[in-house]
Structure formats: structure tokens, C-alpha cells
Amino acid sequence: MSALLGGCSALRVAYNTGPQLAWWWLDGYADFAGEDAPKVKASIERWFEWHRPSQLPAYAALLAAAQAEADKPLTPELACQWYRRVVDLAAPALARALEHGADVVPLLGEAQLRHLEQRYAKNIDEMKAEYLQGDPAERRTAALKRAVTRAEQFYGRLDDTQRRLLAELLAASPADPQAWMDERRRRQRDNVQTLRRLVAERADRNERLAALRMLADRYQRSPDAAHRAYQQRLLDYNCALVARLHNAMTPAQRQRARATLRGYEDDLRAVLAGQAGVPDNGAVPGATN
């Protein structure tokens, strides 16, 4: 979602090229056989055909509601409420994706599963380089840079006092990149083992869908009690961090946040209205503000 919201009208362009982007991403992990590509692409297209009219209105409505709150003080409790609203709003899209996933599983063979394992290993290496620098000072600097970039995309440029506040908040965070990486490895193993079992057993569609739903549940709620407790601590802290940072923003920065939210809403409503932002020949136009 951060990538989609990265620039003027970027959301509508990204959404309308979404089926192709989703195919590139999925094929990058699974490397489907050539004869299977049309089936996977058709499944992705059907998901977008469902998602656009049934889900985007609710997303736009949430963005409109957020605009009304953008210039008001924020509490940690309210920040967590907004987080839960976003998670709840995304749930139907995930549920629908799992249904399509159940149809794609039979297209996987051992070659695809090995490719998936290799892509996962590469993904871990990339994440180590970005989040687990050996030098703690370098790690803190990288974390602050990412946080400042995200905040400034929303509020505009932070002043020195705001940057110091963000640095202090990050320094006190319970975030543990190693724990996050370990949990990610667990999820990857779980994914591959589940898919390999379903393929080997030639599971029927109901069995595949049930297994994918259980996999998604384990992704959202780790089977490791210690990690679940860590996730809750981190969520609580991050809600407080967001509230403190928002409350440290000037009136002009909060107005910038409101305008940013309005831009996202306008993009979604443009997509709904059929303003693709992409010509019929599929070429992406030059971005203009």
C-alpha cells in the first residue's frame, strides 16, 4: 500500500495496471509453467473485477472519514482503532484471494515449489541487508531514514525537533528485527510445507481452501505465543508513536495530511468512475502533479 500511495495519481495508475503487476510479482515467486500462465492471469483478472466495485467504495469512505480527523489530536487508543479498521477492511480481499489461490495450487509442481524456496531465501537476504545491519548505529540510522521518509510522504517535511522526537521514539521501540526475521522464516517454511502437502495429496478444492485459510490464520496470529506477545507490545507502542508524532505536527502539516488523504480518495473514486489513468493501448502516461 505504501508503494501505491507514493505519488500524484500513482494509486490510480498502479491499480489499473494491478493485474499485470500482480502477475509479475506472483510469477517471480512461483515461476509458473508457460501453459499455466493464462490460467493464473485469468484468476488475477477475476479478483480485480470483483475487488474494484465491491471494495473500493469502502476504502474511499474510510479515507473520507480519516480526512475529518486529520487536524484533530490523536490518542494511542484512536490510532489502534484506525489500524483495526484498516485490517478489518482488508479482510474480504484476502478471503477472496484465498479462494482464487485454491484454484491455482494444482498448477504448482516441484519445480515451482523449489523456485519459491529459492525466492524466499533471496528475500531473507535482501531483508537482512535492509533491516539487520551489523552495526547497531547503522541500523538505527536506516530505521530513522525509513520512518522520516514515510512521515514526510504524509505530512510534508519534518523540522529538526520533529526528527529528534521520531529518533527518540524509535530508539525506545520494542521492535526486534531478528524476531521479525525469525517469524518470517517460519511463515515461509509453513507456506512451502502446506503447498507441497496439498500438491502431493492431490487435495480437492475444499481441502485446499481450508488449508489456505488456516495458513492465513497462522500468518495473522503466530502459533508462537512469545511472538504473539511481542507483536502486541509492538502494536501498542506503534499506536502511541503514531499518536505522539501526529500531535507534534503543525496545523499546516496536518492540513497537508488531509490533502494527501483527499488525493488518495480522489484516485480511488476516479478508478471507480472508470478514469483508468492508463491509455487503452496499455502505455503508462507520464506522471504529472
Protein backbone atom coordinates (compact mmCIF):
# COMPACT_ATOMS: atom_id res chain seq x y z
CA MET A 1 0.00 0.00 0.00
CA SER A 2 2.90 2.36 0.71
CA ALA A 3 4.13 1.80 -2.85
CA LEU A 4 0.70 2.55 -4.28
CA LEU A 5 0.45 5.80 -2.36
CA GLY A 6 3.84 7.08 -3.41
CA GLY A 7 2.99 9.97 -5.72
CA CYS A 8 0.49 12.16 -7.51
CA SER A 9 -2.13 9.91 -9.15
CA ALA A 10 0.16 6.91 -8.56
CA LEU A 11 -2.62 4.96 -6.91
CA ARG A 12 -4.95 5.03 -9.89
CA VAL A 13 -2.15 4.13 -12.30
CA ALA A 14 -0.96 1.29 -10.06
CA TYR A 15 -4.46 -0.05 -9.52
CA ASN A 16 -5.33 -0.06 -13.20
CA THR A 17 -2.10 -1.86 -14.05
CA GLY A 18 -2.64 -4.05 -10.96
CA PRO A 19 -3.40 -7.33 -12.76
CA GLN A 20 -0.13 -7.16 -14.68
CA LEU A 21 1.84 -6.07 -11.60
CA ALA A 22 0.28 -8.87 -9.56
CA TRP A 23 1.16 -11.40 -12.25
CA TRP A 24 4.79 -10.26 -12.38
CA TRP A 25 5.03 -10.45 -8.59
CA LEU A 26 3.38 -13.89 -8.32
CA ASP A 27 5.30 -15.38 -11.22
CA GLY A 28 8.50 -14.02 -9.70
CA TYR A 29 7.88 -16.28 -6.72
CA ALA A 30 6.38 -19.34 -8.42
CA ASP A 31 7.78 -19.27 -11.99
CA PHE A 32 4.69 -20.89 -13.48
CA ALA A 33 4.96 -23.14 -16.50
CA GLY A 34 4.18 -21.33 -19.76
CA GLU A 35 0.95 -23.21 -20.39
CA ASP A 36 -0.32 -22.30 -16.92
CA ALA A 37 0.28 -18.56 -17.22
CA PRO A 38 -3.10 -17.78 -18.89
CA LYS A 39 -4.97 -19.56 -16.09
CA VAL A 40 -3.18 -17.62 -13.36
CA LYS A 41 -3.61 -14.33 -15.20
CA ALA A 42 -7.34 -15.01 -15.65
CA SER A 43 -7.69 -15.71 -11.94
CA ILE A 44 -5.96 -12.42 -11.09
CA GLU A 45 -8.22 -10.55 -13.53
CA ARG A 46 -11.33 -12.04 -11.90
CA TRP A 47 -10.12 -10.92 -8.47
CA PHE A 48 -9.69 -7.34 -9.68
CA GLU A 49 -13.06 -7.42 -11.44
CA TRP A 50 -14.63 -8.33 -8.10
CA HIS A 51 -12.48 -6.02 -5.99
CA ARG A 52 -12.97 -2.78 -7.88
CA PRO A 53 -16.76 -2.35 -7.46
CA SER A 54 -17.18 -4.24 -4.20
CA GLN A 55 -14.26 -2.98 -2.10
CA LEU A 56 -13.04 0.39 -3.38
CA PRO A 57 -16.14 2.32 -2.21
CA ALA A 58 -15.46 1.26 1.38
CA TYR A 59 -11.78 2.24 1.05
CA ALA A 60 -12.76 5.66 -0.28
CA ALA A 61 -15.27 6.11 2.55
CA LEU A 62 -12.59 5.30 5.14
CA LEU A 63 -10.24 7.85 3.59
CA ALA A 64 -13.02 10.45 3.70
CA ALA A 65 -13.59 9.70 7.39
CA ALA A 66 -9.86 9.99 8.09
CA GLN A 67 -9.76 13.44 6.49
CA ALA A 68 -12.29 14.69 9.01
CA GLU A 69 -9.95 13.63 11.83
CA ALA A 70 -6.63 14.70 10.31
CA ASP A 71 -6.38 18.06 12.07
CA LYS A 72 -7.52 16.75 15.46
CA PRO A 73 -5.34 15.40 18.30
CA LEU A 74 -4.76 11.66 18.25
CA THR A 75 -4.59 9.23 21.16
CA PRO A 76 -2.90 5.81 21.11
CA GLU A 77 -6.34 4.22 21.50
CA LEU A 78 -7.67 6.04 18.45
CA ALA A 79 -4.57 5.15 16.44
CA CYS A 80 -5.12 1.46 17.22
CA GLN A 81 -8.79 1.79 16.32
CA TRP A 82 -7.82 3.14 12.90
CA TYR A 83 -5.36 0.28 12.48
CA ARG A 84 -8.07 -2.27 13.27
CA ARG A 85 -10.46 -0.60 10.85
CA VAL A 86 -7.91 -0.94 8.06
CA VAL A 87 -7.26 -4.59 8.91
CA ASP A 88 -10.98 -5.36 9.01
CA LEU A 89 -11.50 -3.54 5.72
CA ALA A 90 -8.80 -5.64 4.04
CA ALA A 91 -10.21 -8.97 5.25
CA PRO A 92 -12.71 -9.58 2.40
CA ALA A 93 -9.98 -9.00 -0.20
CA LEU A 94 -7.78 -11.60 1.47
CA ALA A 95 -10.65 -14.07 1.76
CA ARG A 96 -11.40 -13.71 -1.94
CA ALA A 97 -7.73 -14.08 -2.83
CA LEU A 98 -7.59 -17.36 -0.91
CA GLU A 99 -10.47 -18.69 -3.00
CA HIS A 100 -8.55 -17.91 -6.17
CA GLY A 101 -5.43 -19.34 -4.59
CA ALA A 102 -7.21 -22.65 -4.06
CA ASP A 103 -7.69 -22.85 -7.83
CA VAL A 104 -4.04 -22.04 -8.55
CA VAL A 105 -2.48 -24.60 -6.18
CA PRO A 106 -2.93 -27.55 -8.62
CA LEU A 107 -0.75 -25.68 -11.14
CA LEU A 108 2.22 -25.95 -8.79
CA GLY A 109 4.79 -28.69 -9.25
CA GLU A 110 8.08 -29.47 -7.54
CA ALA A 111 9.89 -27.07 -9.88
CA GLN A 112 7.63 -24.20 -8.78
CA LEU A 113 8.00 -25.09 -5.10
CA ARG A 114 11.80 -25.18 -5.35
CA HIS A 115 11.74 -21.83 -7.11
CA LEU A 116 9.56 -20.50 -4.30
CA GLU A 117 12.08 -21.70 -1.70
CA GLN A 118 14.92 -20.01 -3.62
CA ARG A 119 12.96 -16.76 -3.91
CA TYR A 120 12.20 -16.85 -0.19
CA ALA A 121 15.89 -17.29 0.61
CA LYS A 122 16.76 -14.33 -1.61
CA ASN A 123 14.02 -12.32 0.09
CA ILE A 124 15.55 -13.02 3.50
CA ASP A 125 18.99 -11.94 2.29
CA GLU A 126 17.54 -8.69 0.95
CA MET A 127 15.75 -8.01 4.21
CA LYS A 128 18.90 -8.69 6.23
CA ALA A 129 20.75 -6.09 4.19
CA GLU A 130 18.00 -3.53 4.72
CA TYR A 131 16.97 -4.18 8.32
CA LEU A 132 19.71 -6.18 10.07
CA GLN A 133 22.89 -4.19 9.53
CA GLY A 134 25.71 -5.48 11.69
CA ASP A 135 26.50 -2.05 13.14
CA PRO A 136 23.74 -1.01 15.59
CA ALA A 137 24.30 2.67 14.79
CA GLU A 138 23.92 1.99 11.09
CA ARG A 139 20.73 0.02 11.81
CA ARG A 140 19.27 2.92 13.81
CA THR A 141 20.18 5.39 11.07
CA ALA A 142 18.49 3.25 8.41
CA ALA A 143 15.36 2.83 10.54
CA LEU A 144 15.12 6.57 11.13
CA LYS A 145 15.59 7.31 7.44
CA ARG A 146 12.73 4.96 6.52
CA ALA A 147 10.46 6.44 9.18
CA VAL A 148 11.20 10.04 8.16
CA THR A 149 10.51 9.22 4.51
CA ARG A 150 7.14 7.69 5.36
CA ALA A 151 6.14 10.55 7.63
CA GLU A 152 7.15 13.18 5.09
CA GLN A 153 5.15 11.49 2.34
CA PHE A 154 2.13 12.13 4.54
CA TYR A 155 2.82 15.36 6.44
CA GLY A 156 5.46 17.10 4.36
CA ARG A 157 8.95 17.99 5.56
CA LEU A 158 9.70 17.41 9.24
CA ASP A 159 11.62 20.03 11.18
CA ASP A 160 14.62 19.24 13.37
CA THR A 161 12.55 18.97 16.55
CA GLN A 162 10.17 16.51 14.94
CA ARG A 163 13.04 14.45 13.59
CA ARG A 164 14.61 14.28 17.05
CA LEU A 165 11.28 13.19 18.51
CA LEU A 166 10.95 10.44 15.92
CA ALA A 167 14.51 9.30 16.60
CA GLU A 168 13.80 9.13 20.35
CA LEU A 169 10.59 7.18 19.79
CA LEU A 170 12.31 4.68 17.52
CA ALA A 171 15.18 4.25 19.97
CA ALA A 172 12.70 3.27 22.70
CA SER A 173 10.71 0.92 20.46
CA PRO A 174 10.46 -2.79 21.37
CA ALA A 175 10.92 -3.59 17.66
CA ASP A 176 13.23 -6.59 17.21
CA PRO A 177 14.29 -7.11 13.57
CA GLN A 178 15.77 -10.53 14.39
CA ALA A 179 12.49 -11.75 15.91
CA TRP A 180 10.65 -10.41 12.87
CA MET A 181 13.09 -12.25 10.57
CA ASP A 182 12.73 -15.49 12.50
CA GLU A 183 8.95 -15.28 12.26
CA ARG A 184 9.19 -14.59 8.55
CA ARG A 185 11.30 -17.72 8.07
CA ARG A 186 8.67 -19.70 9.99
CA ARG A 187 5.95 -18.36 7.70
CA GLN A 188 7.97 -19.22 4.62
CA ARG A 189 8.53 -22.80 5.79
CA ASP A 190 4.85 -23.07 6.65
CA ASN A 191 3.87 -21.82 3.19
CA VAL A 192 6.08 -24.26 1.32
CA GLN A 193 5.21 -27.24 3.52
CA THR A 194 1.48 -26.56 3.20
CA LEU A 195 1.62 -26.18 -0.58
CA ARG A 196 3.85 -29.24 -1.00
CA ARG A 197 1.43 -31.33 1.07
CA LEU A 198 -1.61 -30.16 -0.88
CA VAL A 199 0.10 -30.95 -4.18
CA ALA A 200 1.33 -34.38 -3.03
CA GLU A 201 -2.07 -35.36 -1.65
CA ARG A 202 -3.93 -34.09 -4.73
CA ALA A 203 -6.27 -32.33 -2.32
CA ASP A 204 -9.67 -31.35 -3.65
CA ARG A 205 -10.73 -27.71 -3.79
CA ASN A 206 -12.47 -27.68 -0.40
CA GLU A 207 -9.39 -29.18 1.25
CA ARG A 208 -7.11 -26.69 -0.49
CA LEU A 209 -9.24 -23.73 0.54
CA ALA A 210 -9.46 -24.90 4.15
CA ALA A 211 -5.68 -25.35 4.30
CA LEU A 212 -5.04 -21.90 2.82
CA ARG A 213 -7.42 -20.32 5.31
CA MET A 214 -5.60 -22.00 8.18
CA LEU A 215 -2.29 -20.83 6.70
CA ALA A 216 -3.58 -17.25 6.58
CA ASP A 217 -4.74 -17.55 10.19
CA ARG A 218 -1.27 -18.65 11.27
CA TYR A 219 0.20 -15.75 9.32
CA GLN A 220 -2.01 -13.25 11.12
CA ARG A 221 -1.76 -14.96 14.50
CA SER A 222 1.55 -16.70 15.04
CA PRO A 223 1.41 -20.15 16.66
CA ASP A 224 4.33 -18.99 18.82
CA ALA A 225 2.85 -17.48 21.99
CA ALA A 226 6.00 -15.49 22.70
CA HIS A 227 5.90 -13.92 19.27
CA ARG A 228 2.22 -13.09 19.64
CA ALA A 229 3.01 -11.27 22.88
CA TYR A 230 5.85 -9.42 21.15
CA GLN A 231 3.55 -8.40 18.29
CA GLN A 232 1.02 -6.99 20.74
CA ARG A 233 3.70 -4.99 22.58
CA LEU A 234 4.95 -3.62 19.30
CA LEU A 235 1.46 -2.73 18.09
CA ASP A 236 0.66 -0.91 21.32
CA TYR A 237 3.93 1.00 21.14
CA ASN A 238 3.48 1.90 17.49
CA CYS A 239 -0.01 3.24 18.15
CA ALA A 240 1.49 5.51 20.82
CA LEU A 241 4.32 6.51 18.46
CA VAL A 242 1.89 7.48 15.70
CA ALA A 243 -0.20 9.50 18.16
CA ARG A 244 2.79 11.40 19.56
CA LEU A 245 4.18 12.14 16.13
CA HIS A 246 0.81 13.32 14.80
CA ASN A 247 0.29 15.56 17.81
CA ALA A 248 3.73 17.11 17.21
CA MET A 249 2.74 18.22 13.70
CA THR A 250 1.94 21.85 12.94
CA PRO A 251 -1.51 22.91 11.66
CA ALA A 252 -0.02 23.28 8.18
CA GLN A 253 1.38 19.73 8.29
CA ARG A 254 -1.96 18.33 9.41
CA GLN A 255 -3.61 20.15 6.52
CA ARG A 256 -1.04 18.54 4.26
CA ALA A 257 -2.04 15.15 5.70
CA ARG A 258 -5.68 15.93 4.99
CA ALA A 259 -4.84 16.92 1.42
CA THR A 260 -2.83 13.70 0.99
CA LEU A 261 -5.79 11.63 2.17
CA ARG A 262 -8.06 13.56 -0.16
CA GLY A 263 -5.74 12.79 -3.05
CA TYR A 264 -5.92 9.07 -2.26
CA GLU A 265 -9.70 9.25 -2.06
CA ASP A 266 -9.92 11.12 -5.36
CA ASP A 267 -7.74 8.49 -7.01
CA LEU A 268 -9.95 5.66 -5.78
CA ARG A 269 -13.11 7.43 -6.91
CA ALA A 270 -11.50 8.06 -10.30
CA VAL A 271 -10.78 4.36 -10.62
CA LEU A 272 -14.39 3.60 -9.72
CA ALA A 273 -15.60 6.10 -12.29
CA GLY A 274 -13.55 4.36 -14.95
CA GLN A 275 -10.84 7.01 -15.27
CA ALA A 276 -8.12 4.47 -15.72
CA GLY A 277 -5.15 6.81 -15.94
CA VAL A 278 -3.78 4.29 -18.45
CA PRO A 279 -4.49 4.55 -22.21
CA ASP A 280 -6.33 1.73 -23.95
CA ASN A 281 -3.06 0.57 -25.54
CA GLY A 282 -1.67 -0.15 -22.06
CA ALA A 283 1.03 2.52 -22.12
CA VAL A 284 1.52 4.33 -18.83
CA PRO A 285 1.27 8.10 -19.27
CA GLY A 286 3.84 10.48 -17.86
CA ALA A 287 3.02 11.38 -14.25
CA THR A 288 2.02 14.98 -13.68
CA ASN A 289 1.05 16.76 -10.48
